[in-house]
């Protein structure tokens, strides 16, 4: 498994809380430990990206959290397109090199 950045983990937590979720549901969905979840929830609550609902300790994403998710998804889309373009250029360059005539001296 590839190590994820803090931004990736925050996004996973926020996505898990989009439709209200219990703490354990968020933990399993984001694939982090209970200790890590406590640290991230503290951060997200302080920055008002998530809120704890009074009933049974459910968590729900806020408008600020939704904005974060939208920005995160946009960023990933841009990075994916950039990576695709780079891959196409590399393939075209490799194809051009393989098609170049070979001269014998």
Foldseek 3Di string as FASTA:
>chain_A
DDDDDPLLLLLQLQVQQAPKDALVSSCVSSVHDSVVSVVSVVVCVVVVQKDFDPPPGIIHGDPVVVVSNVVVVVVVVVVVVVVVVVVVVVVVVVVVVVPDDDDDD
